[in-house]
Amino acid sequence: MAIETGSPIYCLPRDVSSLLRLVEKDKRIVFSAKSHPSRKDVERWILEAERWIDEETGQAWRTTIVTEETHSNLRHNRRHYTRHGIPRHSSAVIVYLEKRNIFDLSKAAGDKLEVWNGASYIDLVDTGTPGVGPRDGDYWVDLRAGRIELYTGEAQRGRGTIRVTYRHGRLTVPSDIHEAAKKLTAVNFLVGEDYIHLFPDNPQAIQQEVKAEAFRVRVAQIINRYKELIVR
């Protein structure tokens, strides 16, 4: 099992402590390296909650990296139009990314748009020209929809292998996602016998489980509202 690292975004340890009104020696607990659980433990629980929320909703409210997402059996979109009275046509390879709300593809940020040319991958983020709109440049990205159109010869002649490394996510955490992360993390305290002494009234385990279940139900309600349903 991978160990979650980084800093929590959706909520903070003090939010969890405030929700549960945790105390130690008659004082509101402040998580630290010496507390039990430690601040690092609580942050890890929050990060695990964040990852679960992202996976369940198919979204993210933090910068998240997708590495080498591979696409095959690519769709070719041919358009016919008239320019200056002359019939013309254009062709694009369409890639629908697994995520939406992506960031501008940037070489400096480590993003890649790799097209297999039969011998090796060519990274269009490095060597190509991004378009400012459809049918412009070597490729164009609809950031909100997570849709890429590729116009280069390599993409047109390719045999279905395109790899994309990109970043996605919204940068503002909604209040209910904050609530979900906080309550999901709080369940660790409610179902753990090691932490019952932190509650001011020393409740019975059955009371803790009832509260934990109420939190789980509320989290499920929030998550269901945000689950992505994308029709391509």
Protein backbone atom coordinates (compact mmCIF):
# COMPACT_ATOMS: atom_id res chain seq x y z
CA MET A 1 0.00 0.00 0.00
CA ALA A 2 1.36 3.41 -1.01
CA ILE A 3 2.00 5.95 1.73
CA GLU A 4 0.31 9.29 1.07
CA THR A 5 2.67 12.26 1.12
CA GLY A 6 2.33 16.01 0.71
CA SER A 7 0.22 18.62 2.43
CA PRO A 8 -3.57 18.32 2.89
CA ILE A 9 -5.71 20.64 0.77
CA TYR A 10 -9.36 19.75 1.40
CA CYS A 11 -9.19 20.24 5.18
CA LEU A 12 -6.62 20.55 7.99
CA PRO A 13 -6.01 18.58 11.20
CA ARG A 14 -7.49 21.40 13.30
CA ASP A 15 -10.74 21.14 11.32
CA VAL A 16 -11.07 17.49 12.34
CA SER A 17 -10.25 18.26 15.97
CA SER A 18 -12.84 21.05 16.03
CA LEU A 19 -15.51 18.84 14.46
CA LEU A 20 -15.05 16.14 17.10
CA ARG A 21 -14.26 18.55 19.96
CA LEU A 22 -11.24 16.44 20.90
CA VAL A 23 -9.54 17.21 24.21
CA GLU A 24 -6.43 16.07 26.05
CA LYS A 25 -5.84 16.91 29.73
CA ASP A 26 -8.98 19.10 29.71
CA LYS A 27 -7.64 21.21 26.82
CA ARG A 28 -8.55 21.22 23.14
CA ILE A 29 -5.97 18.96 21.49
CA VAL A 30 -3.34 20.48 19.22
CA PHE A 31 -1.82 17.83 16.99
CA SER A 32 1.97 17.80 17.04
CA ALA A 33 4.90 15.43 16.63
CA LYS A 34 4.36 14.30 20.23
CA SER A 35 0.56 13.97 20.27
CA HIS A 36 -1.25 10.67 19.82
CA PRO A 37 -2.14 10.49 17.02
CA SER A 38 0.57 12.77 15.70
CA ARG A 39 -0.06 15.62 13.30
CA LYS A 40 1.66 13.59 10.58
CA ASP A 41 -0.76 10.68 11.19
CA VAL A 42 -3.80 12.96 10.87
CA GLU A 43 -2.41 14.60 7.74
CA ARG A 44 -1.90 11.16 6.21
CA TRP A 45 -5.52 10.26 6.97
CA ILE A 46 -6.66 13.48 5.29
CA LEU A 47 -4.53 12.75 2.21
CA GLU A 48 -6.05 9.27 2.02
CA ALA A 49 -9.51 10.85 2.24
CA GLU A 50 -8.61 13.29 -0.54
CA ARG A 51 -7.42 10.50 -2.81
CA TRP A 52 -10.61 8.51 -2.14
CA ILE A 53 -12.78 11.54 -2.89
CA ASP A 54 -10.90 12.19 -6.15
CA GLU A 55 -11.23 8.56 -7.24
CA GLU A 56 -14.93 8.33 -6.36
CA THR A 57 -15.91 11.59 -8.05
CA GLY A 58 -13.52 11.44 -10.99
CA GLN A 59 -12.59 15.03 -10.18
CA ALA A 60 -10.03 16.90 -8.07
CA TRP A 61 -9.90 20.18 -6.21
CA ARG A 62 -6.11 20.24 -6.12
CA THR A 63 -3.38 19.92 -8.74
CA THR A 64 -3.26 16.25 -9.70
CA ILE A 65 -0.88 14.66 -12.21
CA VAL A 66 -1.88 11.92 -14.65
CA THR A 67 1.15 10.13 -16.08
CA GLU A 68 1.31 8.51 -19.54
CA GLU A 69 -2.40 8.06 -20.06
CA THR A 70 -2.44 5.91 -23.20
CA HIS A 71 -5.05 6.07 -25.96
CA SER A 72 -5.61 3.66 -28.82
CA ASN A 73 -8.31 3.06 -31.46
CA LEU A 74 -8.33 6.80 -32.00
CA ARG A 75 -11.21 8.64 -33.57
CA HIS A 76 -10.64 10.61 -36.79
CA ASN A 77 -12.86 13.64 -37.26
CA ARG A 78 -13.09 14.95 -40.83
CA ARG A 79 -14.61 18.35 -41.54
CA HIS A 80 -15.69 19.74 -44.90
CA TYR A 81 -16.00 23.49 -45.34
CA THR A 82 -15.67 26.27 -47.91
CA ARG A 83 -13.01 28.97 -47.82
CA HIS A 84 -12.96 31.79 -50.38
CA GLY A 85 -15.46 29.79 -52.40
CA ILE A 86 -13.16 26.77 -52.60
CA PRO A 87 -14.26 23.46 -51.02
CA ARG A 88 -11.77 22.27 -48.41
CA HIS A 89 -11.50 19.59 -45.78
CA SER A 90 -9.54 19.04 -42.61
CA SER A 91 -8.87 15.99 -40.50
CA ALA A 92 -8.12 15.72 -36.80
CA VAL A 93 -7.36 12.87 -34.44
CA ILE A 94 -9.57 13.25 -31.36
CA VAL A 95 -8.37 12.25 -27.90
CA TYR A 96 -10.76 12.33 -24.95
CA LEU A 97 -8.78 12.44 -21.73
CA GLU A 98 -10.03 10.59 -18.68
CA LYS A 99 -10.16 13.86 -16.71
CA ARG A 100 -11.63 17.28 -17.34
CA ASN A 101 -10.60 20.74 -16.13
CA ILE A 102 -6.99 20.26 -17.19
CA PHE A 103 -4.23 22.85 -17.21
CA ASP A 104 -2.44 24.27 -20.24
CA LEU A 105 0.10 21.71 -21.42
CA SER A 106 3.53 22.95 -20.37
CA LYS A 107 6.96 21.46 -20.94
CA ALA A 108 8.25 23.28 -17.83
CA ALA A 109 5.58 21.57 -15.72
CA GLY A 110 6.46 18.14 -17.13
CA ASP A 111 3.39 17.75 -19.36
CA LYS A 112 3.72 15.63 -22.49
CA LEU A 113 1.65 14.87 -25.59
CA GLU A 114 3.48 11.95 -27.17
CA VAL A 115 2.60 10.55 -30.59
CA TRP A 116 4.05 7.25 -31.82
CA ASN A 117 5.51 7.67 -35.31
CA GLY A 118 6.28 3.99 -35.90
CA ALA A 119 9.77 4.09 -34.39
CA SER A 120 9.61 6.36 -31.35
CA TYR A 121 7.43 8.84 -29.51
CA ILE A 122 7.40 12.50 -30.57
CA ASP A 123 6.42 14.92 -27.81
CA LEU A 124 4.28 17.67 -29.36
CA VAL A 125 4.44 19.77 -26.19
CA ASP A 126 8.19 19.96 -26.80
CA THR A 127 8.32 20.10 -30.60
CA GLY A 128 4.86 21.16 -31.76
CA THR A 129 2.84 24.37 -31.83
CA PRO A 130 -0.29 24.59 -29.68
CA GLY A 131 -3.34 26.09 -31.32
CA VAL A 132 -5.28 29.02 -29.92
CA GLY A 133 -8.49 27.43 -31.18
CA PRO A 134 -9.80 24.49 -33.24
CA ARG A 135 -7.95 23.68 -36.50
CA ASP A 136 -4.98 25.80 -35.45
CA GLY A 137 -1.39 24.73 -34.81
CA ASP A 138 -0.31 21.12 -34.44
CA TYR A 139 -2.86 20.45 -31.72
CA TRP A 140 -5.60 22.19 -29.77
CA VAL A 141 -6.78 21.41 -26.23
CA ASP A 142 -10.28 22.04 -24.90
CA LEU A 143 -9.20 22.43 -21.28
CA ARG A 144 -12.61 22.27 -19.66
CA ALA A 145 -13.77 19.20 -21.59
CA GLY A 146 -10.41 17.39 -21.53
CA ARG A 147 -10.46 17.00 -25.31
CA ILE A 148 -7.44 17.17 -27.63
CA GLU A 149 -7.47 17.56 -31.40
CA LEU A 150 -4.25 16.65 -33.21
CA TYR A 151 -3.55 17.83 -36.75
CA THR A 152 0.04 16.66 -37.36
CA GLY A 153 0.96 14.07 -39.96
CA GLU A 154 2.39 11.79 -37.28
CA ALA A 155 -0.97 11.68 -35.53
CA GLN A 156 -2.86 11.17 -38.79
CA ARG A 157 -0.64 8.26 -39.81
CA GLY A 158 -0.35 6.80 -36.32
CA ARG A 159 -1.58 3.36 -35.43
CA GLY A 160 -3.36 4.21 -32.25
CA THR A 161 -0.72 5.05 -29.69
CA ILE A 162 -0.80 8.44 -28.03
CA ARG A 163 0.43 9.06 -24.48
CA VAL A 164 -0.51 12.12 -22.47
CA THR A 165 0.98 13.33 -19.18
CA TYR A 166 -1.04 16.24 -17.83
CA ARG A 167 -2.29 18.10 -14.77
CA HIS A 168 -5.90 18.60 -13.85
CA GLY A 169 -8.09 19.85 -11.03
CA ARG A 170 -9.98 22.84 -9.73
CA LEU A 171 -8.16 25.17 -7.37
CA THR A 172 -11.06 26.11 -5.08
CA VAL A 173 -12.39 23.55 -2.58
CA PRO A 174 -16.20 23.70 -2.22
CA SER A 175 -17.56 23.77 1.33
CA ASP A 176 -19.20 20.36 1.01
CA ILE A 177 -15.99 18.72 -0.28
CA HIS A 178 -14.26 20.27 2.75
CA GLU A 179 -16.99 18.73 4.91
CA ALA A 180 -16.61 15.32 3.26
CA ALA A 181 -12.83 15.24 3.80
CA LYS A 182 -13.23 16.34 7.41
CA LYS A 183 -15.88 13.74 8.25
CA LEU A 184 -14.13 10.95 6.37
CA THR A 185 -10.98 11.64 8.37
CA ALA A 186 -12.96 11.86 11.61
CA VAL A 187 -14.14 8.27 11.16
CA ASN A 188 -10.59 7.13 11.99
CA PHE A 189 -11.04 8.57 15.48
CA LEU A 190 -14.59 7.31 15.95
CA VAL A 191 -13.82 3.66 15.15
CA GLY A 192 -10.40 3.53 16.83
CA GLU A 193 -10.42 2.40 20.46
CA ASP A 194 -6.99 3.99 20.92
CA TYR A 195 -8.53 7.46 20.65
CA ILE A 196 -11.67 7.21 22.78
CA HIS A 197 -9.89 9.03 25.63
CA LEU A 198 -9.73 12.16 23.47
CA PHE A 199 -13.50 12.64 23.59
CA PRO A 200 -14.68 14.84 26.47
CA ASP A 201 -17.48 12.54 27.65
CA ASN A 202 -15.66 9.23 27.13
CA PRO A 203 -18.58 7.82 25.13
CA GLN A 204 -19.26 4.14 24.65
CA ALA A 205 -17.99 2.47 21.49
CA ILE A 206 -21.57 1.99 20.24
CA GLN A 207 -22.15 5.74 20.35
CA GLN A 208 -19.00 6.30 18.35
CA GLU A 209 -20.05 3.82 15.68
CA VAL A 210 -23.46 5.49 15.34
CA LYS A 211 -21.76 8.84 14.75
CA ALA A 212 -19.27 7.25 12.35
CA GLU A 213 -22.11 5.76 10.31
CA ALA A 214 -23.87 9.14 10.19
CA PHE A 215 -20.67 10.68 8.87
CA ARG A 216 -20.34 7.94 6.22
CA VAL A 217 -23.90 8.52 5.03
CA ARG A 218 -23.33 12.26 4.75
CA VAL A 219 -20.07 11.74 2.83
CA ALA A 220 -21.84 9.39 0.40
CA GLN A 221 -24.51 12.03 -0.25
CA ILE A 222 -21.87 14.63 -1.06
CA ILE A 223 -19.83 12.32 -3.29
CA ASN A 224 -22.88 11.24 -5.31
CA ARG A 225 -23.52 14.88 -6.25
CA TYR A 226 -20.04 15.25 -7.72
CA LYS A 227 -19.59 11.94 -9.53
CA GLU A 228 -18.65 12.51 -13.14
CA LEU A 229 -20.87 11.07 -15.83
CA ILE A 230 -19.18 11.81 -19.14
CA VAL A 231 -20.72 10.75 -22.43
CA ARG A 232 -18.27 10.80 -25.33
